[in-house]
Amino acid sequence: MIGKQGNGSKWHGWGPNRKKEKRGKVYCGKRDIAIPPGATIEELLNDRYMNYSEFALKMGFSEEVDVNRLIKGEIKIDEAMARRLQNILGGTYVFWQNLESNYREKLNRKI
């Protein structure tokens, strides 16, 4: 049954013009969801079996609370932090800065 869902309705795919509703607002696909760079950081920490304490120490944070705030998107990634992330988790500092700027841009669009 290609092209149909189990309920018999036709499935038209998730192309860029396919809209879905979420909490009373209409968003267009996953591109409009503001995902903090912390989601990527958390994935990479899990992949490396690195806990928050170890990561906080390597990042030069005073406590694990700062790691939680970074992961939630409450702390902005500046160039210095992006360079530390590059050294600890990989990727380039430009990659980390782009994640941050894209996240902040999407947050501002939703307001």
N, C-alpha and C. Protein backbone atom coordinates (compact mmCIF):
# COMPACT_ATOMS: atom_id res chain seq x y z
N MET A 1 0.82 -1.18 0.00
CA MET A 1 0.00 0.00 0.00
C MET A 1 0.86 1.25 0.00
N ILE A 2 1.63 1.44 -0.98
CA ILE A 2 2.45 2.63 -1.06
C ILE A 2 1.55 3.82 -1.34
N GLY A 3 1.77 4.89 -0.60
CA GLY A 3 0.98 6.09 -0.79
C GLY A 3 -0.25 6.16 0.08
N LYS A 4 -0.47 5.17 0.93
CA LYS A 4 -1.63 5.19 1.82
C LYS A 4 -1.21 4.89 3.24
N GLN A 5 -1.91 5.49 4.17
CA GLN A 5 -1.70 5.17 5.57
C GLN A 5 -2.66 4.04 5.91
N GLY A 6 -2.48 3.47 7.08
CA GLY A 6 -3.31 2.36 7.51
C GLY A 6 -4.78 2.70 7.63
N ASN A 7 -5.14 3.97 7.79
CA ASN A 7 -6.54 4.33 7.95
C ASN A 7 -7.25 4.56 6.62
N GLY A 8 -6.57 4.33 5.51
CA GLY A 8 -7.20 4.44 4.21
C GLY A 8 -7.06 5.80 3.56
N SER A 9 -6.60 6.81 4.30
CA SER A 9 -6.46 8.13 3.70
C SER A 9 -5.18 8.17 2.87
N LYS A 10 -5.16 9.02 1.86
CA LYS A 10 -3.97 9.13 1.03
C LYS A 10 -2.91 9.91 1.78
N TRP A 11 -1.70 9.47 1.64
CA TRP A 11 -0.57 10.14 2.26
C TRP A 11 0.13 10.95 1.19
N HIS A 12 0.36 12.22 1.47
CA HIS A 12 0.93 13.12 0.47
C HIS A 12 2.38 13.48 0.78
N GLY A 13 2.97 12.82 1.77
CA GLY A 13 4.38 13.06 2.09
C GLY A 13 4.57 14.25 3.01
N TRP A 14 5.79 14.47 3.39
CA TRP A 14 6.14 15.57 4.28
C TRP A 14 6.98 16.60 3.57
N GLY A 15 6.58 16.98 2.40
CA GLY A 15 7.31 17.99 1.63
C GLY A 15 7.28 19.34 2.32
N PRO A 16 8.01 20.31 1.80
CA PRO A 16 8.11 21.62 2.46
C PRO A 16 6.78 22.36 2.54
N ASN A 17 5.82 22.03 1.69
CA ASN A 17 4.54 22.73 1.73
C ASN A 17 3.50 21.98 2.55
N ARG A 18 3.86 20.84 3.10
CA ARG A 18 2.95 20.06 3.92
C ARG A 18 2.90 20.69 5.30
N LYS A 19 1.71 21.14 5.71
CA LYS A 19 1.59 21.83 6.99
C LYS A 19 1.00 20.89 8.04
N LYS A 20 1.46 21.06 9.26
CA LYS A 20 0.87 20.34 10.37
C LYS A 20 0.62 21.30 11.51
N GLU A 21 -0.37 21.00 12.32
CA GLU A 21 -0.76 21.92 13.38
C GLU A 21 -0.18 21.46 14.70
N LYS A 22 0.28 22.42 15.49
CA LYS A 22 0.84 22.12 16.80
C LYS A 22 0.45 23.22 17.77
N ARG A 23 -0.32 22.88 18.78
CA ARG A 23 -0.74 23.80 19.83
C ARG A 23 -1.37 25.08 19.28
N GLY A 24 -2.22 24.95 18.31
CA GLY A 24 -2.94 26.10 17.80
C GLY A 24 -2.18 26.93 16.78
N LYS A 25 -0.90 26.67 16.59
CA LYS A 25 -0.12 27.40 15.60
C LYS A 25 0.21 26.45 14.46
N VAL A 26 0.32 26.98 13.28
CA VAL A 26 0.64 26.14 12.13
C VAL A 26 2.11 26.30 11.80
N TYR A 27 2.80 25.18 11.79
CA TYR A 27 4.21 25.16 11.42
C TYR A 27 4.36 24.37 10.14
N CYS A 28 5.38 24.65 9.40
CA CYS A 28 5.59 23.98 8.14
C CYS A 28 6.76 23.01 8.29
N GLY A 29 6.48 21.77 8.63
CA GLY A 29 7.52 20.76 8.73
C GLY A 29 8.46 20.98 9.90
N LYS A 30 9.54 20.19 9.95
CA LYS A 30 10.48 20.24 11.05
C LYS A 30 11.42 21.44 10.97
N ARG A 31 11.50 22.08 9.84
CA ARG A 31 12.44 23.19 9.70
C ARG A 31 12.10 24.38 10.58
N ASP A 32 10.87 24.49 11.04
CA ASP A 32 10.46 25.63 11.86
C ASP A 32 10.53 25.35 13.36
N ILE A 33 11.01 24.20 13.74
CA ILE A 33 11.13 23.88 15.15
C ILE A 33 12.49 24.37 15.63
N ALA A 34 12.47 25.16 16.68
CA ALA A 34 13.72 25.70 17.23
C ALA A 34 14.33 24.68 18.18
N ILE A 35 15.38 24.02 17.73
CA ILE A 35 16.05 23.01 18.53
C ILE A 35 17.36 23.61 19.05
N PRO A 36 17.53 23.67 20.37
CA PRO A 36 18.75 24.27 20.89
C PRO A 36 19.98 23.44 20.55
N PRO A 37 21.12 24.09 20.39
CA PRO A 37 22.36 23.35 20.13
C PRO A 37 22.65 22.33 21.22
N GLY A 38 22.07 22.54 22.39
CA GLY A 38 22.25 21.61 23.49
C GLY A 38 21.77 20.20 23.18
N ALA A 39 20.79 20.07 22.28
CA ALA A 39 20.32 18.74 21.89
C ALA A 39 21.45 17.99 21.20
N THR A 40 22.20 18.68 20.36
CA THR A 40 23.35 18.07 19.69
C THR A 40 24.45 17.77 20.71
N ILE A 41 24.67 18.69 21.62
CA ILE A 41 25.69 18.49 22.66
C ILE A 41 25.35 17.26 23.49
N GLU A 42 24.09 17.15 23.88
CA GLU A 42 23.67 16.01 24.70
C GLU A 42 23.86 14.69 23.95
N GLU A 43 23.52 14.66 22.68
CA GLU A 43 23.73 13.45 21.87
C GLU A 43 25.20 13.08 21.84
N LEU A 44 26.06 14.07 21.61
CA LEU A 44 27.50 13.80 21.53
C LEU A 44 28.06 13.35 22.87
N LEU A 45 27.56 13.90 23.96
CA LEU A 45 27.98 13.46 25.28
C LEU A 45 27.60 12.00 25.50
N ASN A 46 26.38 11.64 25.12
CA ASN A 46 25.93 10.26 25.24
C ASN A 46 26.78 9.33 24.39
N ASP A 47 27.09 9.75 23.17
CA ASP A 47 27.91 8.93 22.27
C ASP A 47 29.31 8.69 22.85
N ARG A 48 29.81 9.66 23.59
CA ARG A 48 31.17 9.57 24.16
C ARG A 48 31.16 9.07 25.60
N TYR A 49 29.97 8.72 26.12
CA TYR A 49 29.83 8.25 27.50
C TYR A 49 30.44 9.26 28.48
N MET A 50 30.22 10.54 28.20
CA MET A 50 30.75 11.61 29.04
C MET A 50 29.60 12.17 29.89
N ASN A 51 29.80 12.22 31.20
CA ASN A 51 28.74 12.77 32.06
C ASN A 51 28.87 14.28 32.16
N TYR A 52 27.86 14.91 32.74
CA TYR A 52 27.82 16.37 32.84
C TYR A 52 28.98 16.92 33.66
N SER A 53 29.37 16.19 34.72
CA SER A 53 30.47 16.67 35.57
C SER A 53 31.77 16.74 34.78
N GLU A 54 32.05 15.70 34.03
CA GLU A 54 33.28 15.66 33.23
C GLU A 54 33.25 16.76 32.16
N PHE A 55 32.09 16.91 31.51
CA PHE A 55 31.94 17.92 30.48
C PHE A 55 32.10 19.33 31.07
N ALA A 56 31.48 19.56 32.23
CA ALA A 56 31.58 20.86 32.90
C ALA A 56 33.04 21.18 33.21
N LEU A 57 33.78 20.20 33.69
CA LEU A 57 35.19 20.39 34.01
C LEU A 57 35.99 20.76 32.75
N LYS A 58 35.75 20.02 31.66
CA LYS A 58 36.47 20.28 30.41
C LYS A 58 36.10 21.63 29.80
N MET A 59 34.85 22.05 29.98
CA MET A 59 34.39 23.32 29.42
C MET A 59 34.80 24.51 30.29
N GLY A 60 35.22 24.23 31.52
CA GLY A 60 35.60 25.32 32.42
C GLY A 60 34.41 25.92 33.14
N PHE A 61 33.29 25.19 33.18
CA PHE A 61 32.11 25.64 33.92
C PHE A 61 32.34 25.41 35.40
N SER A 62 31.74 26.26 36.21
CA SER A 62 31.92 26.13 37.64
C SER A 62 31.08 25.00 38.23
N GLU A 63 29.99 24.65 37.58
CA GLU A 63 29.13 23.60 38.11
C GLU A 63 28.29 22.98 37.00
N GLU A 64 27.65 21.84 37.31
CA GLU A 64 26.84 21.13 36.33
C GLU A 64 25.59 21.91 35.93
N VAL A 65 25.17 22.84 36.75
CA VAL A 65 23.98 23.65 36.44
C VAL A 65 24.20 24.39 35.12
N ASP A 66 25.43 24.86 34.90
CA ASP A 66 25.75 25.55 33.65
C ASP A 66 25.59 24.63 32.44
N VAL A 67 25.93 23.35 32.60
CA VAL A 67 25.75 22.38 31.52
C VAL A 67 24.27 22.21 31.23
N ASN A 68 23.46 22.10 32.27
CA ASN A 68 22.01 21.98 32.08
C ASN A 68 21.46 23.20 31.35
N ARG A 69 21.91 24.37 31.73
CA ARG A 69 21.44 25.61 31.09
C ARG A 69 21.88 25.67 29.63
N LEU A 70 23.10 25.22 29.33
CA LEU A 70 23.59 25.18 27.96
C LEU A 70 22.75 24.23 27.12
N ILE A 71 22.46 23.07 27.65
CA ILE A 71 21.69 22.08 26.92
C ILE A 71 20.26 22.56 26.68
N LYS A 72 19.68 23.30 27.60
CA LYS A 72 18.33 23.83 27.43
C LYS A 72 18.27 25.05 26.52
N GLY A 73 19.43 25.60 26.17
CA GLY A 73 19.47 26.77 25.31
C GLY A 73 19.41 28.08 26.06
N GLU A 74 19.60 28.05 27.37
CA GLU A 74 19.55 29.26 28.19
C GLU A 74 20.87 30.03 28.14
N ILE A 75 21.95 29.36 27.79
CA ILE A 75 23.26 30.00 27.65
C ILE A 75 23.58 30.05 26.16
N LYS A 76 23.94 31.24 25.69
CA LYS A 76 24.29 31.40 24.28
C LYS A 76 25.73 30.93 24.04
N ILE A 77 25.94 30.33 22.88
CA ILE A 77 27.28 29.89 22.50
C ILE A 77 27.97 31.03 21.77
N ASP A 78 28.99 31.58 22.43
CA ASP A 78 29.79 32.63 21.78
C ASP A 78 30.99 31.96 21.10
N GLU A 79 31.85 32.77 20.51
CA GLU A 79 32.98 32.21 19.76
C GLU A 79 33.93 31.41 20.65
N ALA A 80 34.22 31.91 21.84
CA ALA A 80 35.13 31.21 22.75
C ALA A 80 34.55 29.85 23.15
N MET A 81 33.26 29.82 23.46
CA MET A 81 32.62 28.56 23.83
C MET A 81 32.57 27.61 22.63
N ALA A 82 32.32 28.16 21.45
CA ALA A 82 32.29 27.34 20.23
C ALA A 82 33.64 26.68 20.00
N ARG A 83 34.71 27.40 20.28
CA ARG A 83 36.06 26.83 20.12
C ARG A 83 36.32 25.73 21.15
N ARG A 84 35.82 25.91 22.38
CA ARG A 84 35.96 24.85 23.39
C ARG A 84 35.16 23.61 22.98
N LEU A 85 33.94 23.83 22.46
CA LEU A 85 33.12 22.70 22.00
C LEU A 85 33.82 21.97 20.86
N GLN A 86 34.46 22.73 19.97
CA GLN A 86 35.21 22.13 18.86
C GLN A 86 36.29 21.20 19.40
N ASN A 87 37.01 21.65 20.41
CA ASN A 87 38.11 20.85 20.98
C ASN A 87 37.62 19.64 21.76
N ILE A 88 36.47 19.77 22.41
CA ILE A 88 35.98 18.70 23.28
C ILE A 88 35.10 17.71 22.53
N LEU A 89 34.17 18.21 21.71
CA LEU A 89 33.19 17.34 21.06
C LEU A 89 33.40 17.16 19.56
N GLY A 90 34.26 17.97 18.98
CA GLY A 90 34.49 17.87 17.54
C GLY A 90 33.64 18.88 16.78
N GLY A 91 33.69 18.78 15.47
CA GLY A 91 33.03 19.78 14.65
C GLY A 91 33.87 21.05 14.67
N THR A 92 33.57 21.97 13.80
CA THR A 92 34.31 23.22 13.79
C THR A 92 33.59 24.25 14.66
N TYR A 93 34.32 25.28 15.05
CA TYR A 93 33.67 26.32 15.85
C TYR A 93 32.58 27.02 15.03
N VAL A 94 32.75 27.07 13.70
CA VAL A 94 31.74 27.66 12.83
C VAL A 94 30.45 26.83 12.87
N PHE A 95 30.59 25.50 12.92
CA PHE A 95 29.43 24.61 13.05
C PHE A 95 28.63 24.96 14.30
N TRP A 96 29.33 25.12 15.43
CA TRP A 96 28.65 25.41 16.69
C TRP A 96 28.02 26.80 16.66
N GLN A 97 28.69 27.76 16.06
CA GLN A 97 28.13 29.10 15.95
C GLN A 97 26.89 29.10 15.04
N ASN A 98 26.93 28.32 13.97
CA ASN A 98 25.77 28.23 13.08
C ASN A 98 24.58 27.59 13.78
N LEU A 99 24.83 26.54 14.56
CA LEU A 99 23.72 25.93 15.33
C LEU A 99 23.08 26.97 16.24
N GLU A 100 23.92 27.73 16.92
CA GLU A 100 23.42 28.76 17.85
C GLU A 100 22.64 29.84 17.11
N SER A 101 23.20 30.37 16.02
CA SER A 101 22.52 31.46 15.31
C SER A 101 21.21 30.99 14.68
N ASN A 102 21.19 29.76 14.16
CA ASN A 102 19.94 29.21 13.60
C ASN A 102 18.88 29.05 14.68
N TYR A 103 19.29 28.58 15.85
CA TYR A 103 18.36 28.41 16.96
C TYR A 103 17.77 29.75 17.39
N ARG A 104 18.61 30.76 17.58
CA ARG A 104 18.15 32.06 18.03
C ARG A 104 17.26 32.71 16.97
N GLU A 105 17.59 32.53 15.71
CA GLU A 105 16.78 33.08 14.62
C GLU A 105 15.38 32.47 14.61
N LYS A 106 15.31 31.16 14.79
CA LYS A 106 14.00 30.49 14.81
C LYS A 106 13.19 30.89 16.03
N LEU A 107 13.86 31.09 17.15
CA LEU A 107 13.15 31.55 18.36
C LEU A 107 12.55 32.94 18.11
N ASN A 108 13.31 33.81 17.50
CA ASN A 108 12.83 35.18 17.24
C ASN A 108 11.68 35.18 16.24
N ARG A 109 11.67 34.25 15.29
CA ARG A 109 10.58 34.19 14.31
C ARG A 109 9.27 33.78 14.95
N LYS A 110 9.32 32.97 15.99
CA LYS A 110 8.11 32.48 16.64
C LYS A 110 7.47 33.50 17.54
N ILE A 111 8.21 34.50 17.95
CA ILE A 111 7.68 35.50 18.89
C ILE A 111 6.73 36.44 18.19
